[in-house]
Amino acid sequence: MKRIIYFFLLLIFITACKKADLIGLQTQPGEDLLNSKFIDTVTVLTSCVAEDSLRTDNALANRSLLGDLKDPDFGRSKASIITQLVMSRNNLTFLTGTVLDSAVLILSYAGYYGDSANTTFKVNVNELNEDIHADSAYYSNRKVKTGTLITSKTITPHPNDSITIASIRVGKSDTVRKVPAQLRINLPLDYANATFMNAPASSLINTEAFVKYFKGLAISVDSNATTGSIGGMMIFDMFTVGKSKLTLYYRSQTDTLSFD
């Protein structure tokens, strides 16, 4: 009896699995049939609306942009960096007879957008002429007062190329080491000597005293000197400690030293 039941059930499943046919379609009026076509192209009309301003201070950003980008679809974008220098340690003093070898502004690459192969930028470094405050909000339409042009340098961006630099070791022979991509700009020795090496001792006590003495730097590109059809936007990590900095390389009577 069980064998008969199992066979009957199997027969039902086999006979029920028939391919669907056109039952019912012949009773439908032609105008009620659902017809469709496949189209693989579509036209979308868009437009750009300018924002009044965007907040750009480090309360919201973890990267800093510098450049001049002429995008064929979205138009032109320009970005500059306004930054303070903070001291890596307090109570800095320079021994009598100390000689400054170089002062290097180092910006650590975090990316790039645009054409790097065919683009050059003229980067200007100015001294700030007004105080900036870490707890204040700053927007993209804010014009910050700048003073002395410290230096200019024409550069070709290399955002993916590591470089070899001198590694200063206190009390030991100096060596070299390879570091991730950086933009390095030397400041004039006479300016660095006057501003940093010969700074009043009271300004080198701590960061609070130093930013009152030296308000900071404005780093920009000269749009008239940018080459390449679209330019580009350099992206820097200004917020990870030790990544971007101004390094003073100097020597005493007994050793070579550095200070960030």
Protein backbone atom coordinates (compact mmCIF):
# COMPACT_ATOMS: atom_id res chain seq x y z
CA MET A 1 0.00 0.00 0.00
CA LYS A 2 2.85 2.40 0.82
CA ARG A 3 4.47 1.79 -2.57
CA ILE A 4 1.26 2.77 -4.35
CA ILE A 5 0.98 6.03 -2.38
CA TYR A 6 4.59 7.01 -3.05
CA PHE A 7 4.23 6.30 -6.75
CA PHE A 8 1.05 8.35 -6.91
CA LEU A 9 2.71 11.34 -5.24
CA LEU A 10 5.70 11.12 -7.57
CA LEU A 11 3.40 11.03 -10.55
CA ILE A 12 1.67 14.21 -9.38
CA PHE A 13 4.97 16.08 -9.10
CA ILE A 14 6.18 14.95 -12.49
CA THR A 15 2.99 15.77 -14.32
CA ALA A 16 2.58 19.11 -12.53
CA CYS A 17 5.99 20.44 -13.65
CA LYS A 18 4.88 21.36 -17.17
CA LYS A 19 6.09 24.45 -19.00
CA ALA A 20 3.77 27.47 -18.72
CA ASP A 21 1.56 28.00 -21.77
CA LEU A 22 -0.48 30.89 -23.13
CA ILE A 23 -3.71 30.08 -21.27
CA GLY A 24 -5.80 33.21 -20.98
CA LEU A 25 -3.87 35.38 -23.41
CA GLN A 26 -6.22 34.57 -26.26
CA THR A 27 -9.13 36.06 -24.27
CA GLN A 28 -7.35 39.41 -23.61
CA PRO A 29 -7.92 42.38 -25.96
CA GLY A 30 -4.75 43.36 -27.80
CA GLU A 31 -4.69 46.81 -26.23
CA ASP A 32 -4.55 45.26 -22.72
CA LEU A 33 -1.42 43.22 -23.36
CA LEU A 34 1.73 44.42 -21.57
CA ASN A 35 4.44 45.24 -24.08
CA SER A 36 7.91 46.55 -23.14
CA LYS A 37 11.11 47.66 -24.84
CA PHE A 38 14.69 47.70 -23.51
CA ILE A 39 16.59 50.98 -23.82
CA ASP A 40 20.24 51.15 -22.72
CA THR A 41 20.73 54.94 -22.96
CA VAL A 42 19.18 57.79 -21.01
CA THR A 43 19.66 61.58 -20.97
CA VAL A 44 20.09 63.34 -17.62
CA LEU A 45 20.09 67.14 -17.46
CA THR A 46 22.14 68.57 -14.56
CA SER A 47 23.37 71.95 -13.41
CA CYS A 48 25.78 73.25 -10.77
CA VAL A 49 24.61 75.66 -8.08
CA ALA A 50 27.31 77.60 -6.23
CA GLU A 51 27.38 77.33 -2.46
CA ASP A 52 27.80 80.58 -0.57
CA SER A 53 30.65 79.11 1.49
CA LEU A 54 31.91 75.88 3.02
CA ARG A 55 33.43 75.39 6.44
CA THR A 56 37.10 74.55 5.99
CA ASP A 57 38.79 74.55 9.40
CA ASN A 58 40.17 71.46 11.08
CA ALA A 59 37.02 70.96 13.15
CA LEU A 60 35.57 69.23 10.08
CA ALA A 61 38.51 68.33 7.85
CA ASN A 62 41.24 65.74 8.28
CA ARG A 63 43.04 66.65 5.08
CA SER A 64 44.26 69.96 3.63
CA LEU A 65 43.98 70.89 -0.06
CA LEU A 66 46.40 73.01 -2.07
CA GLY A 67 46.11 73.62 -5.78
CA ASP A 68 44.30 74.94 -8.82
CA LEU A 69 41.98 72.52 -10.63
CA LYS A 70 40.11 73.29 -13.86
CA ASP A 71 37.58 70.48 -14.16
CA PRO A 72 35.83 70.35 -17.56
CA ASP A 73 32.49 69.46 -15.94
CA PHE A 74 32.51 71.16 -12.53
CA GLY A 75 34.52 74.28 -13.26
CA ARG A 76 37.51 75.76 -11.44
CA SER A 77 38.49 75.10 -7.83
CA LYS A 78 41.34 76.76 -5.94
CA ALA A 79 42.56 75.92 -2.44
CA SER A 80 45.14 77.39 -0.06
CA ILE A 81 46.36 76.38 3.38
CA ILE A 82 46.40 78.63 6.44
CA THR A 83 48.28 77.05 9.34
CA GLN A 84 49.95 77.73 12.65
CA LEU A 85 53.25 76.25 13.81
CA VAL A 86 53.28 74.57 17.21
CA MET A 87 56.39 73.63 19.17
CA SER A 88 57.37 69.98 19.47
CA ARG A 89 58.84 70.67 22.92
CA ASN A 90 58.86 73.57 25.35
CA ASN A 91 61.69 75.83 26.49
CA LEU A 92 63.73 75.69 23.30
CA THR A 93 67.20 77.22 23.48
CA PHE A 94 70.02 77.41 20.95
CA LEU A 95 73.57 77.21 22.23
CA THR A 96 76.04 79.97 21.49
CA GLY A 97 77.79 79.25 18.21
CA THR A 98 74.87 77.29 16.74
CA VAL A 99 74.73 77.57 12.94
CA LEU A 100 71.56 77.04 10.92
CA ASP A 101 72.08 74.80 7.89
CA SER A 102 68.52 74.82 6.51
CA ALA A 103 64.87 75.41 7.37
CA VAL A 104 62.54 73.11 5.45
CA LEU A 105 58.76 73.33 5.23
CA ILE A 106 57.55 69.74 4.86
CA LEU A 107 54.03 68.84 3.69
CA SER A 108 53.21 65.14 3.72
CA TYR A 109 51.15 63.95 0.74
CA ALA A 110 47.88 62.13 1.43
CA GLY A 111 46.70 62.03 -2.20
CA TYR A 112 46.23 63.98 -5.42
CA TYR A 113 43.38 64.72 -7.83
CA GLY A 114 43.95 65.88 -11.39
CA ASP A 115 46.84 65.69 -13.84
CA SER A 116 50.17 65.33 -12.04
CA ALA A 117 52.28 64.30 -15.05
CA ASN A 118 51.81 67.54 -17.02
CA THR A 119 51.25 70.06 -14.23
CA THR A 120 53.57 72.43 -12.40
CA PHE A 121 52.61 74.79 -9.59
CA LYS A 122 54.27 77.92 -8.28
CA VAL A 123 53.85 77.60 -4.53
CA ASN A 124 53.99 80.80 -2.46
CA VAL A 125 54.70 80.78 1.27
CA ASN A 126 53.67 83.94 3.12
CA GLU A 127 53.75 84.91 6.75
CA LEU A 128 50.32 85.39 8.34
CA ASN A 129 49.39 88.88 9.46
CA GLU A 130 46.53 88.03 11.81
CA ASP A 131 45.81 85.60 14.62
CA ILE A 132 43.95 82.38 13.91
CA HIS A 133 42.28 80.32 16.60
CA ALA A 134 41.86 76.54 16.75
CA ASP A 135 38.43 76.82 18.41
CA SER A 136 36.97 79.18 15.76
CA ALA A 137 35.03 78.34 12.60
CA TYR A 138 36.55 79.40 9.28
CA TYR A 139 34.76 79.36 5.92
CA SER A 140 35.92 79.23 2.32
CA ASN A 141 34.97 82.87 1.64
CA ARG A 142 37.15 84.15 4.48
CA LYS A 143 40.04 86.36 3.38
CA VAL A 144 42.97 86.06 5.77
CA LYS A 145 45.53 88.85 5.99
CA THR A 146 48.99 87.86 4.84
CA GLY A 147 52.27 89.69 5.13
CA THR A 148 55.80 89.00 3.99
CA LEU A 149 56.33 86.67 1.02
CA ILE A 150 58.88 84.30 2.52
CA THR A 151 59.64 82.24 -0.57
CA SER A 152 58.27 80.81 -3.83
CA LYS A 153 59.05 77.49 -5.46
CA THR A 154 57.91 75.96 -8.75
CA ILE A 155 57.19 72.27 -8.22
CA THR A 156 55.95 69.24 -10.11
CA PRO A 157 53.79 67.14 -7.75
CA HIS A 158 54.99 63.62 -7.00
CA PRO A 159 52.29 62.35 -4.62
CA ASN A 160 53.28 58.68 -4.85
CA ASP A 161 57.09 58.82 -4.88
CA SER A 162 58.97 58.15 -1.66
CA ILE A 163 62.11 60.20 -1.08
CA THR A 164 65.40 59.76 0.76
CA ILE A 165 66.28 62.36 3.39
CA ALA A 166 68.96 62.94 6.01
CA SER A 167 68.24 61.40 9.40
CA ILE A 168 69.78 63.41 12.23
CA ARG A 169 70.92 61.30 15.19
CA VAL A 170 72.03 63.08 18.35
CA GLY A 171 75.42 61.90 19.53
CA LYS A 172 75.77 59.50 16.61
CA SER A 173 76.75 59.63 12.97
CA ASP A 174 73.90 60.92 10.82
CA THR A 175 72.38 58.57 8.26
CA VAL A 176 69.70 58.58 5.56
CA ARG A 177 66.22 57.08 5.45
CA LYS A 178 63.37 56.70 3.01
CA VAL A 179 60.05 58.39 3.80
CA PRO A 180 56.64 58.57 2.04
CA ALA A 181 56.02 61.32 -0.53
CA GLN A 182 56.58 64.88 0.69
CA LEU A 183 56.56 68.39 -0.69
CA ARG A 184 59.69 70.07 0.72
CA ILE A 185 60.28 73.83 0.45
CA ASN A 186 63.43 75.46 1.80
CA LEU A 187 62.99 78.82 3.50
CA PRO A 188 65.71 81.45 2.98
CA LEU A 189 68.45 81.16 5.61
CA ASP A 190 68.46 84.86 6.44
CA TYR A 191 64.70 84.79 7.09
CA ALA A 192 64.87 81.58 9.17
CA ASN A 193 67.79 82.89 11.21
CA ALA A 194 66.07 86.18 11.98
CA THR A 195 62.65 84.65 12.69
CA PHE A 196 63.44 81.39 14.49
CA MET A 197 67.07 81.08 15.53
CA ASN A 198 67.18 84.64 16.88
CA ALA A 199 63.63 84.69 18.26
CA PRO A 200 63.22 86.20 21.73
CA ALA A 201 63.69 83.57 24.43
CA SER A 202 60.25 84.44 25.84
CA SER A 203 58.62 83.33 22.58
CA LEU A 204 60.21 79.87 22.72
CA ILE A 205 58.80 78.88 26.12
CA ASN A 206 55.76 77.05 24.72
CA THR A 207 53.30 77.03 21.80
CA GLU A 208 51.03 79.68 23.32
CA ALA A 209 53.91 82.13 23.49
CA PHE A 210 55.22 81.17 20.07
CA VAL A 211 51.95 81.71 18.14
CA LYS A 212 51.69 85.18 19.66
CA TYR A 213 55.16 85.91 18.29
CA PHE A 214 54.77 84.09 14.94
CA LYS A 215 51.16 83.94 13.77
CA GLY A 216 51.60 81.25 11.12
CA LEU A 217 51.93 80.56 7.41
CA ALA A 218 49.75 81.00 4.33
CA ILE A 219 50.58 78.48 1.60
CA SER A 220 49.06 79.10 -1.83
CA VAL A 221 49.59 78.53 -5.55
CA ASP A 222 49.91 81.27 -8.16
CA SER A 223 47.06 80.50 -10.57
CA ASN A 224 48.72 82.50 -13.34
CA ALA A 225 51.75 80.21 -13.22
CA THR A 226 49.96 76.84 -13.15
CA THR A 227 50.74 74.71 -16.21
CA GLY A 228 48.80 71.79 -17.68
CA SER A 229 45.35 71.68 -19.20
CA ILE A 230 43.45 70.98 -15.97
CA GLY A 231 45.97 71.45 -13.16
CA GLY A 232 45.26 69.53 -10.01
CA MET A 233 44.65 69.46 -6.28
CA MET A 234 47.35 68.31 -3.87
CA ILE A 235 46.09 66.67 -0.67
CA PHE A 236 48.20 66.83 2.50
CA ASP A 237 48.03 65.30 5.96
CA MET A 238 48.40 68.30 8.26
CA PHE A 239 46.85 66.66 11.32
CA THR A 240 48.91 63.56 12.11
CA VAL A 241 51.69 64.55 14.51
CA GLY A 242 55.08 64.59 12.80
CA LYS A 243 53.74 64.28 9.25
CA SER A 244 53.80 67.93 8.14
CA LYS A 245 56.13 70.38 9.85
CA LEU A 246 58.83 73.01 9.61
CA THR A 247 62.19 71.46 10.46
CA LEU A 248 65.25 73.48 11.46
CA TYR A 249 68.53 71.66 10.71
CA TYR A 250 71.45 73.18 12.61
CA ARG A 251 74.84 72.32 14.09
CA SER A 252 76.58 73.12 17.29
CA GLN A 253 80.30 72.88 17.89
CA THR A 254 79.96 69.15 18.63
CA ASP A 255 76.96 67.73 16.73
CA THR A 256 74.32 68.19 14.04
CA LEU A 257 70.78 68.65 15.35
CA SER A 258 67.23 69.33 14.21
CA PHE A 259 64.07 70.79 15.69
CA ASP A 260 60.47 70.45 14.41
